Structures are given as C-alpha cells and as structure tokens.
Amino acid sequence: MLTVACRDVGHPCDCVLSGETEEELLKSAAEHAVNDHGYKEEEIITPEMQQNIKSHIKKV
C-alpha cells in the first residue's frame, strides 16, 4: 500500500490518500486536488506536480 499526505505536498489539508500502485495513487491525488482544492485537471498532470507528489509517497 502506498500513501501520500496532502499536507506533505504543500496544502493545509489533513487528507491522506492511498493506493496499491503509484498510478492509482496519482489518479486519486488528482481527483482530490480537483474536487477539494479547486485545481483544474491540466494543472495536476504537469510533470512538476506529479514529481512533487511522487517525492512524498510512502510505502506502508
């Protein structure tokens, strides 16, 4: 199981997302960012944003 905390990525948010694969986790993070933080999907799928998220993924 992989997790990433929204707060670790730079938002004052207590959400912790999880997924079985990195791809699944990135998809969940993108959906959360759009639905809960008002991002547009194209803002989330940038290489910089994805690298930021990937750098905070933890294996549990």
N, C-alpha and C. Protein backbone atom coordinates (compact mmCIF):
# COMPACT_ATOMS: atom_id res chain seq x y z
N MET A 1 0.85 -1.18 0.00
CA MET A 1 0.00 0.00 0.00
C MET A 1 0.89 1.23 0.00
N LEU A 2 0.53 2.19 -0.84
CA LEU A 2 1.24 3.46 -0.93
C LEU A 2 0.33 4.57 -0.42
N THR A 3 0.92 5.57 0.24
CA THR A 3 0.15 6.70 0.73
C THR A 3 0.87 8.00 0.43
N VAL A 4 0.10 9.07 0.39
CA VAL A 4 0.67 10.42 0.30
C VAL A 4 -0.27 11.34 1.07
N ALA A 5 0.32 12.19 1.90
CA ALA A 5 -0.46 13.15 2.67
C ALA A 5 -0.52 14.46 1.90
N CYS A 6 -1.70 14.99 1.76
CA CYS A 6 -1.88 16.25 1.05
C CYS A 6 -1.02 17.34 1.68
N ARG A 7 -0.95 17.35 3.00
CA ARG A 7 -0.16 18.35 3.72
C ARG A 7 1.31 18.29 3.31
N ASP A 8 1.83 17.08 3.08
CA ASP A 8 3.23 16.92 2.68
C ASP A 8 3.50 17.53 1.31
N VAL A 9 2.49 17.54 0.47
CA VAL A 9 2.63 18.07 -0.89
C VAL A 9 2.55 19.60 -0.89
N GLY A 10 2.09 20.17 0.23
CA GLY A 10 2.11 21.62 0.34
C GLY A 10 0.78 22.30 0.60
N HIS A 11 -0.24 21.52 0.96
CA HIS A 11 -1.55 22.11 1.21
C HIS A 11 -1.93 21.94 2.68
N PRO A 12 -2.61 22.92 3.26
CA PRO A 12 -3.06 22.79 4.64
C PRO A 12 -4.32 21.91 4.70
N CYS A 13 -4.12 20.62 4.48
CA CYS A 13 -5.22 19.67 4.34
C CYS A 13 -4.80 18.37 5.04
N ASP A 14 -5.71 17.77 5.78
CA ASP A 14 -5.40 16.56 6.53
C ASP A 14 -5.67 15.28 5.76
N CYS A 15 -6.04 15.37 4.50
CA CYS A 15 -6.34 14.19 3.70
C CYS A 15 -5.08 13.36 3.46
N VAL A 16 -5.21 12.04 3.65
CA VAL A 16 -4.15 11.11 3.30
C VAL A 16 -4.74 10.14 2.29
N LEU A 17 -4.14 10.10 1.12
CA LEU A 17 -4.63 9.25 0.03
C LEU A 17 -3.83 7.96 0.00
N SER A 18 -4.46 6.90 -0.50
CA SER A 18 -3.75 5.62 -0.59
C SER A 18 -4.10 4.92 -1.89
N GLY A 19 -3.22 4.01 -2.26
CA GLY A 19 -3.43 3.22 -3.47
C GLY A 19 -2.49 2.05 -3.51
N GLU A 20 -2.82 1.07 -4.30
CA GLU A 20 -1.98 -0.12 -4.43
C GLU A 20 -0.79 0.14 -5.35
N THR A 21 -0.98 1.04 -6.31
CA THR A 21 0.09 1.36 -7.25
C THR A 21 0.30 2.87 -7.30
N GLU A 22 1.45 3.28 -7.80
CA GLU A 22 1.73 4.70 -7.95
C GLU A 22 0.71 5.35 -8.88
N GLU A 23 0.37 4.67 -9.95
CA GLU A 23 -0.61 5.20 -10.91
C GLU A 23 -1.96 5.43 -10.24
N GLU A 24 -2.40 4.46 -9.45
CA GLU A 24 -3.67 4.58 -8.74
C GLU A 24 -3.63 5.75 -7.74
N LEU A 25 -2.52 5.89 -7.06
CA LEU A 25 -2.37 6.96 -6.08
C LEU A 25 -2.35 8.33 -6.75
N LEU A 26 -1.66 8.46 -7.87
CA LEU A 26 -1.63 9.73 -8.61
C LEU A 26 -3.02 10.10 -9.12
N LYS A 27 -3.78 9.12 -9.55
CA LYS A 27 -5.15 9.37 -10.01
C LYS A 27 -6.01 9.89 -8.85
N SER A 28 -5.88 9.25 -7.69
CA SER A 28 -6.64 9.69 -6.51
C SER A 28 -6.23 11.09 -6.09
N ALA A 29 -4.94 11.38 -6.15
CA ALA A 29 -4.44 12.70 -5.78
C ALA A 29 -4.99 13.76 -6.73
N ALA A 30 -5.03 13.45 -8.01
CA ALA A 30 -5.56 14.40 -8.99
C ALA A 30 -7.04 14.66 -8.75
N GLU A 31 -7.80 13.60 -8.49
CA GLU A 31 -9.23 13.75 -8.22
C GLU A 31 -9.45 14.59 -6.96
N HIS A 32 -8.66 14.33 -5.93
CA HIS A 32 -8.78 15.10 -4.68
C HIS A 32 -8.45 16.57 -4.92
N ALA A 33 -7.39 16.84 -5.66
CA ALA A 33 -6.98 18.22 -5.93
C ALA A 33 -8.06 18.99 -6.69
N VAL A 34 -8.68 18.34 -7.66
CA VAL A 34 -9.74 18.97 -8.45
C VAL A 34 -11.00 19.17 -7.60
N ASN A 35 -11.42 18.11 -6.91
CA ASN A 35 -12.68 18.16 -6.17
C ASN A 35 -12.62 18.97 -4.88
N ASP A 36 -11.48 18.94 -4.19
CA ASP A 36 -11.41 19.56 -2.87
C ASP A 36 -10.58 20.84 -2.81
N HIS A 37 -9.74 21.07 -3.80
CA HIS A 37 -8.88 22.25 -3.76
C HIS A 37 -9.09 23.19 -4.95
N GLY A 38 -9.99 22.84 -5.86
CA GLY A 38 -10.33 23.73 -6.96
C GLY A 38 -9.33 23.79 -8.11
N TYR A 39 -8.40 22.82 -8.15
CA TYR A 39 -7.46 22.78 -9.27
C TYR A 39 -8.19 22.37 -10.54
N LYS A 40 -7.64 22.74 -11.66
CA LYS A 40 -8.09 22.22 -12.95
C LYS A 40 -7.23 20.99 -13.24
N GLU A 41 -7.81 20.02 -13.92
CA GLU A 41 -7.09 18.77 -14.17
C GLU A 41 -5.75 18.99 -14.86
N GLU A 42 -5.69 19.94 -15.80
CA GLU A 42 -4.44 20.18 -16.52
C GLU A 42 -3.35 20.76 -15.62
N GLU A 43 -3.74 21.35 -14.49
CA GLU A 43 -2.75 21.85 -13.54
C GLU A 43 -2.10 20.73 -12.74
N ILE A 44 -2.79 19.62 -12.62
CA ILE A 44 -2.32 18.49 -11.81
C ILE A 44 -1.43 17.55 -12.61
N ILE A 45 -1.68 17.45 -13.89
CA ILE A 45 -0.95 16.45 -14.68
C ILE A 45 0.38 16.96 -15.21
N THR A 46 0.85 18.09 -14.70
CA THR A 46 2.16 18.58 -15.13
C THR A 46 3.26 17.71 -14.55
N PRO A 47 4.37 17.59 -15.24
CA PRO A 47 5.49 16.79 -14.71
C PRO A 47 5.97 17.29 -13.34
N GLU A 48 5.96 18.60 -13.14
CA GLU A 48 6.41 19.16 -11.87
C GLU A 48 5.50 18.75 -10.72
N MET A 49 4.19 18.84 -10.94
CA MET A 49 3.24 18.49 -9.88
C MET A 49 3.31 16.99 -9.60
N GLN A 50 3.40 16.19 -10.65
CA GLN A 50 3.47 14.75 -10.43
C GLN A 50 4.75 14.37 -9.70
N GLN A 51 5.86 15.03 -10.01
CA GLN A 51 7.12 14.74 -9.32
C GLN A 51 7.02 15.15 -7.85
N ASN A 52 6.36 16.27 -7.58
CA ASN A 52 6.16 16.70 -6.20
C ASN A 52 5.38 15.64 -5.43
N ILE A 53 4.31 15.15 -6.00
CA ILE A 53 3.51 14.11 -5.35
C ILE A 53 4.34 12.85 -5.17
N LYS A 54 5.01 12.40 -6.22
CA LYS A 54 5.82 11.18 -6.15
C LYS A 54 6.90 11.26 -5.07
N SER A 55 7.47 12.44 -4.88
CA SER A 55 8.55 12.58 -3.90
C SER A 55 8.07 12.43 -2.46
N HIS A 56 6.75 12.48 -2.25
CA HIS A 56 6.19 12.35 -0.90
C HIS A 56 5.45 11.04 -0.67
N ILE A 57 5.47 10.14 -1.63
CA ILE A 57 4.80 8.85 -1.48
C ILE A 57 5.56 8.00 -0.47
N LYS A 58 4.78 7.37 0.41
CA LYS A 58 5.35 6.47 1.42
C LYS A 58 4.75 5.08 1.24
N LYS A 59 5.57 4.09 1.45
CA LYS A 59 5.11 2.70 1.38
C LYS A 59 4.78 2.25 2.80
N VAL A 60 3.56 1.75 2.99
CA VAL A 60 3.15 1.28 4.32
C VAL A 60 2.72 -0.17 4.28
